[in-house]
């Protein structure tokens, strides 16, 4: 097994993005990098109206992916109910780690 020493991380980039879209980052090698993301206000809730006009919402799905060597694509969750469709207004806190 090869010994890499104490320096295995080349760079770490961090930031936050509100809503969906693309975020520009410094260039990374896609074969040696990954993105980690967490979301605030991006969790869905379900509710059943007991008055007889019941409705339910689906779960939200939010994510982040390396779209190219210089950008991250953020996907904001959307919930659906029998009454409306709305976005989650999620804030994505992301981190791109590139290894040597």
N, C-alpha and C. Protein backbone atom coordinates (compact mmCIF):
# COMPACT_ATOMS: atom_id res chain seq x y z
N UNK A 1 0.85 -1.17 0.00
CA UNK A 1 0.00 0.00 0.00
C UNK A 1 0.90 1.24 0.00
N UNK A 2 0.60 2.18 -0.87
CA UNK A 2 1.38 3.41 -0.96
C UNK A 2 1.07 4.32 0.22
N UNK A 3 2.09 4.97 0.72
CA UNK A 3 1.93 5.91 1.81
C UNK A 3 1.87 7.31 1.23
N UNK A 4 0.79 8.04 1.52
CA UNK A 4 0.61 9.37 0.96
C UNK A 4 1.15 10.48 1.84
N UNK A 5 1.51 10.16 3.04
CA UNK A 5 1.99 11.20 3.95
C UNK A 5 0.83 11.95 4.58
N UNK A 6 1.11 13.15 5.03
CA UNK A 6 0.09 13.92 5.74
C UNK A 6 -0.68 14.87 4.84
N UNK A 7 -0.29 15.03 3.58
CA UNK A 7 -0.95 15.97 2.69
C UNK A 7 -1.69 15.23 1.59
N UNK A 8 -2.92 14.85 1.83
CA UNK A 8 -3.73 14.16 0.83
C UNK A 8 -4.82 15.05 0.24
N UNK A 9 -5.11 16.17 0.89
CA UNK A 9 -6.11 17.10 0.39
C UNK A 9 -5.41 18.26 -0.31
N UNK A 10 -5.78 18.47 -1.56
CA UNK A 10 -5.20 19.55 -2.35
C UNK A 10 -5.91 20.88 -2.08
N UNK A 11 -7.26 20.84 -2.03
CA UNK A 11 -8.01 22.08 -1.79
C UNK A 11 -9.39 21.78 -1.21
N UNK A 12 -9.91 22.74 -0.47
CA UNK A 12 -11.28 22.70 0.04
C UNK A 12 -11.91 24.05 -0.28
N UNK A 13 -13.07 24.01 -0.92
CA UNK A 13 -13.82 25.23 -1.22
C UNK A 13 -15.17 25.11 -0.55
N UNK A 14 -15.61 26.19 0.08
CA UNK A 14 -16.89 26.18 0.79
C UNK A 14 -17.71 27.40 0.41
N UNK A 15 -19.02 27.25 0.55
CA UNK A 15 -19.90 28.38 0.29
C UNK A 15 -21.34 28.01 0.56
N UNK A 16 -22.24 28.91 0.24
CA UNK A 16 -23.67 28.65 0.37
C UNK A 16 -24.39 29.27 -0.81
N UNK A 17 -25.51 28.65 -1.18
CA UNK A 17 -26.31 29.10 -2.31
C UNK A 17 -27.77 28.98 -1.92
N UNK A 18 -28.54 30.02 -2.16
CA UNK A 18 -29.97 29.99 -1.88
C UNK A 18 -30.71 29.54 -3.13
N UNK A 19 -31.57 28.55 -2.97
CA UNK A 19 -32.36 28.08 -4.10
C UNK A 19 -31.57 27.22 -5.08
N UNK A 20 -32.18 26.96 -6.22
CA UNK A 20 -31.56 26.14 -7.26
C UNK A 20 -30.68 27.00 -8.15
N UNK A 21 -29.78 26.34 -8.86
CA UNK A 21 -28.95 27.06 -9.81
C UNK A 21 -27.55 26.52 -9.87
N UNK A 22 -26.69 27.30 -10.49
CA UNK A 22 -25.30 26.91 -10.67
C UNK A 22 -24.40 27.87 -9.90
N UNK A 23 -23.36 27.34 -9.31
CA UNK A 23 -22.40 28.14 -8.55
C UNK A 23 -21.01 27.90 -9.13
N UNK A 24 -20.27 28.97 -9.36
CA UNK A 24 -18.92 28.87 -9.91
C UNK A 24 -17.91 28.62 -8.79
N UNK A 25 -16.98 27.70 -9.07
CA UNK A 25 -15.90 27.38 -8.13
C UNK A 25 -14.57 27.47 -8.88
N UNK A 26 -13.47 27.44 -8.14
CA UNK A 26 -12.16 27.33 -8.77
C UNK A 26 -12.04 25.94 -9.40
N UNK A 27 -11.31 25.84 -10.50
CA UNK A 27 -11.20 24.58 -11.24
C UNK A 27 -10.66 23.45 -10.37
N UNK A 28 -11.29 22.27 -10.52
CA UNK A 28 -10.86 21.06 -9.81
C UNK A 28 -10.76 19.91 -10.81
N UNK A 29 -10.04 18.87 -10.44
CA UNK A 29 -9.97 17.64 -11.22
C UNK A 29 -11.16 16.79 -10.79
N UNK A 30 -12.09 16.55 -11.71
CA UNK A 30 -13.32 15.83 -11.36
C UNK A 30 -13.06 14.41 -10.88
N UNK A 31 -11.99 13.79 -11.34
CA UNK A 31 -11.69 12.41 -10.93
C UNK A 31 -11.12 12.34 -9.51
N UNK A 32 -10.77 13.50 -8.94
CA UNK A 32 -10.19 13.53 -7.60
C UNK A 32 -10.98 14.43 -6.64
N UNK A 33 -12.23 14.74 -6.99
CA UNK A 33 -13.01 15.69 -6.20
C UNK A 33 -14.42 15.17 -5.94
N UNK A 34 -15.02 15.70 -4.87
CA UNK A 34 -16.43 15.42 -4.60
C UNK A 34 -17.03 16.62 -3.90
N UNK A 35 -18.36 16.70 -3.94
CA UNK A 35 -19.08 17.78 -3.27
C UNK A 35 -19.92 17.18 -2.15
N UNK A 36 -19.92 17.86 -1.03
CA UNK A 36 -20.76 17.49 0.11
C UNK A 36 -21.70 18.66 0.36
N UNK A 37 -22.97 18.38 0.62
CA UNK A 37 -23.94 19.46 0.78
C UNK A 37 -24.90 19.17 1.92
N UNK A 38 -25.32 20.23 2.59
CA UNK A 38 -26.39 20.14 3.57
C UNK A 38 -27.32 21.32 3.33
N UNK A 39 -28.55 21.19 3.79
CA UNK A 39 -29.57 22.18 3.47
C UNK A 39 -30.27 22.67 4.72
N UNK A 40 -30.57 23.97 4.73
CA UNK A 40 -31.40 24.57 5.78
C UNK A 40 -32.74 24.90 5.14
N UNK A 41 -33.82 24.69 5.85
CA UNK A 41 -35.17 24.96 5.36
C UNK A 41 -35.51 24.12 4.15
N UNK A 42 -34.90 22.96 4.02
CA UNK A 42 -35.17 22.12 2.86
C UNK A 42 -35.86 20.83 3.22
N UNK A 43 -36.56 20.79 4.33
CA UNK A 43 -37.20 19.57 4.79
C UNK A 43 -38.71 19.71 4.62
N UNK A 44 -39.32 18.71 4.04
CA UNK A 44 -40.77 18.77 3.82
C UNK A 44 -41.55 18.21 4.98
N UNK A 45 -42.79 18.59 5.03
CA UNK A 45 -43.68 18.10 6.07
C UNK A 45 -44.92 17.52 5.39
N UNK A 46 -45.53 16.56 6.00
CA UNK A 46 -46.77 16.03 5.50
C UNK A 46 -47.89 16.35 6.47
N UNK A 47 -49.09 16.55 5.95
CA UNK A 47 -50.23 16.88 6.81
C UNK A 47 -51.47 16.20 6.25
N UNK A 48 -52.26 15.69 7.12
CA UNK A 48 -53.54 15.13 6.72
C UNK A 48 -54.64 15.97 7.34
N UNK A 49 -55.47 16.55 6.50
CA UNK A 49 -56.60 17.36 6.97
C UNK A 49 -57.71 16.41 7.40
N UNK A 50 -58.06 16.44 8.67
CA UNK A 50 -59.03 15.49 9.20
C UNK A 50 -60.47 15.91 8.96
N UNK A 51 -60.69 17.06 8.31
CA UNK A 51 -62.06 17.53 8.07
C UNK A 51 -62.73 16.82 6.90
N UNK A 52 -62.01 15.97 6.20
CA UNK A 52 -62.60 15.24 5.09
C UNK A 52 -62.07 15.68 3.74
N UNK A 53 -61.46 16.86 3.67
CA UNK A 53 -60.89 17.34 2.41
C UNK A 53 -59.39 17.09 2.43
N UNK A 54 -59.02 15.88 2.77
CA UNK A 54 -57.62 15.56 3.06
C UNK A 54 -56.66 15.85 1.93
N UNK A 55 -55.42 16.07 2.28
CA UNK A 55 -54.34 16.27 1.32
C UNK A 55 -53.05 15.83 1.96
N UNK A 56 -52.06 15.59 1.14
CA UNK A 56 -50.74 15.18 1.65
C UNK A 56 -49.66 15.73 0.73
N UNK A 57 -48.50 15.99 1.30
CA UNK A 57 -47.37 16.47 0.52
C UNK A 57 -46.35 15.36 0.37
N UNK A 58 -45.61 15.40 -0.72
CA UNK A 58 -44.54 14.43 -0.91
C UNK A 58 -43.27 14.95 -0.23
N UNK A 59 -42.31 14.09 -0.10
CA UNK A 59 -41.02 14.48 0.49
C UNK A 59 -40.26 15.39 -0.46
N UNK A 60 -39.40 16.22 0.10
CA UNK A 60 -38.56 17.09 -0.70
C UNK A 60 -37.24 16.40 -1.00
N UNK A 61 -36.71 16.68 -2.16
CA UNK A 61 -35.38 16.16 -2.52
C UNK A 61 -34.54 17.34 -2.96
N UNK A 62 -33.41 17.51 -2.32
CA UNK A 62 -32.48 18.57 -2.67
C UNK A 62 -31.10 17.95 -2.81
N UNK A 63 -30.28 18.52 -3.67
CA UNK A 63 -28.96 17.94 -3.86
C UNK A 63 -27.99 18.90 -4.52
N UNK A 64 -26.74 18.50 -4.54
CA UNK A 64 -25.67 19.26 -5.19
C UNK A 64 -24.77 18.28 -5.92
N UNK A 65 -24.29 18.70 -7.09
CA UNK A 65 -23.41 17.84 -7.89
C UNK A 65 -22.38 18.69 -8.61
N UNK A 66 -21.20 18.12 -8.83
CA UNK A 66 -20.20 18.79 -9.65
C UNK A 66 -20.64 18.68 -11.10
N UNK A 67 -21.00 19.81 -11.69
CA UNK A 67 -21.49 19.83 -13.07
C UNK A 67 -20.35 19.90 -14.08
N UNK A 68 -19.27 20.54 -13.70
CA UNK A 68 -18.08 20.65 -14.55
C UNK A 68 -16.89 20.92 -13.63
N UNK A 69 -15.74 21.16 -14.22
CA UNK A 69 -14.55 21.42 -13.41
C UNK A 69 -14.65 22.75 -12.67
N UNK A 70 -15.58 23.62 -13.07
CA UNK A 70 -15.68 24.95 -12.46
C UNK A 70 -17.09 25.31 -11.97
N UNK A 71 -17.98 24.32 -11.85
CA UNK A 71 -19.32 24.67 -11.36
C UNK A 71 -19.99 23.53 -10.62
N UNK A 72 -20.87 23.93 -9.70
CA UNK A 72 -21.71 23.02 -8.94
C UNK A 72 -23.15 23.33 -9.33
N UNK A 73 -23.96 22.30 -9.52
CA UNK A 73 -25.38 22.49 -9.76
C UNK A 73 -26.14 22.15 -8.48
N UNK A 74 -26.95 23.11 -8.02
CA UNK A 74 -27.76 22.94 -6.82
C UNK A 74 -29.21 22.69 -7.26
N UNK A 75 -29.81 21.63 -6.76
CA UNK A 75 -31.20 21.34 -7.05
C UNK A 75 -32.01 21.51 -5.78
N UNK A 76 -32.95 22.41 -5.81
CA UNK A 76 -33.78 22.68 -4.64
C UNK A 76 -35.02 21.81 -4.69
N UNK A 77 -35.42 21.29 -3.56
CA UNK A 77 -36.60 20.45 -3.49
C UNK A 77 -37.88 21.19 -3.76
N UNK A 78 -38.88 20.45 -4.20
CA UNK A 78 -40.21 20.99 -4.43
C UNK A 78 -41.20 20.04 -3.79
N UNK A 79 -42.23 20.58 -3.18
CA UNK A 79 -43.24 19.69 -2.64
C UNK A 79 -44.53 19.85 -3.41
N UNK A 80 -45.30 18.78 -3.42
CA UNK A 80 -46.57 18.77 -4.14
C UNK A 80 -47.66 18.37 -3.17
N UNK A 81 -48.77 19.02 -3.27
CA UNK A 81 -49.93 18.62 -2.49
C UNK A 81 -51.13 18.65 -3.42
N UNK A 82 -52.27 18.26 -2.94
CA UNK A 82 -53.47 18.32 -3.76
C UNK A 82 -53.91 19.76 -3.96
N UNK A 83 -53.29 20.70 -3.21
CA UNK A 83 -53.71 22.09 -3.28
C UNK A 83 -52.70 23.00 -3.97
N UNK A 84 -51.42 22.66 -3.98
CA UNK A 84 -50.45 23.57 -4.57
C UNK A 84 -49.11 22.88 -4.80
N UNK A 85 -48.25 23.58 -5.50
CA UNK A 85 -46.86 23.17 -5.69
C UNK A 85 -46.01 24.35 -5.25
N UNK A 86 -45.01 24.12 -4.43
CA UNK A 86 -44.17 25.23 -3.96
C UNK A 86 -42.74 24.76 -3.77
N UNK A 87 -41.81 25.68 -3.88
CA UNK A 87 -40.41 25.33 -3.65
C UNK A 87 -40.11 25.35 -2.16
N UNK A 88 -38.99 24.74 -1.81
CA UNK A 88 -38.64 24.58 -0.40
C UNK A 88 -37.92 25.79 0.18
N UNK A 89 -37.47 26.71 -0.69
CA UNK A 89 -36.67 27.85 -0.22
C UNK A 89 -35.45 27.39 0.57
N UNK A 90 -34.82 26.35 0.09
CA UNK A 90 -33.68 25.77 0.79
C UNK A 90 -32.42 26.60 0.57
N UNK A 91 -31.57 26.66 1.57
CA UNK A 91 -30.24 27.23 1.45
C UNK A 91 -29.27 26.05 1.48
N UNK A 92 -28.44 25.95 0.45
CA UNK A 92 -27.47 24.86 0.35
C UNK A 92 -26.12 25.34 0.87
N UNK A 93 -25.58 24.63 1.83
CA UNK A 93 -24.22 24.86 2.33
C UNK A 93 -23.36 23.76 1.73
N UNK A 94 -22.43 24.11 0.86
CA UNK A 94 -21.66 23.13 0.12
C UNK A 94 -20.17 23.21 0.41
N UNK A 95 -19.50 22.09 0.11
CA UNK A 95 -18.06 21.98 0.30
C UNK A 95 -17.53 21.07 -0.80
N UNK A 96 -16.55 21.54 -1.55
CA UNK A 96 -15.89 20.75 -2.57
C UNK A 96 -14.50 20.40 -2.07
N UNK A 97 -14.21 19.10 -2.03
CA UNK A 97 -12.91 18.63 -1.58
C UNK A 97 -12.20 17.98 -2.76
N UNK A 98 -10.97 18.41 -3.02
CA UNK A 98 -10.15 17.84 -4.07
C UNK A 98 -8.93 17.19 -3.44
N UNK A 99 -8.67 15.94 -3.84
CA UNK A 99 -7.51 15.20 -3.32
C UNK A 99 -6.31 15.36 -4.24
N UNK A 100 -5.14 15.09 -3.70
CA UNK A 100 -3.88 15.17 -4.46
C UNK A 100 -3.87 14.12 -5.54
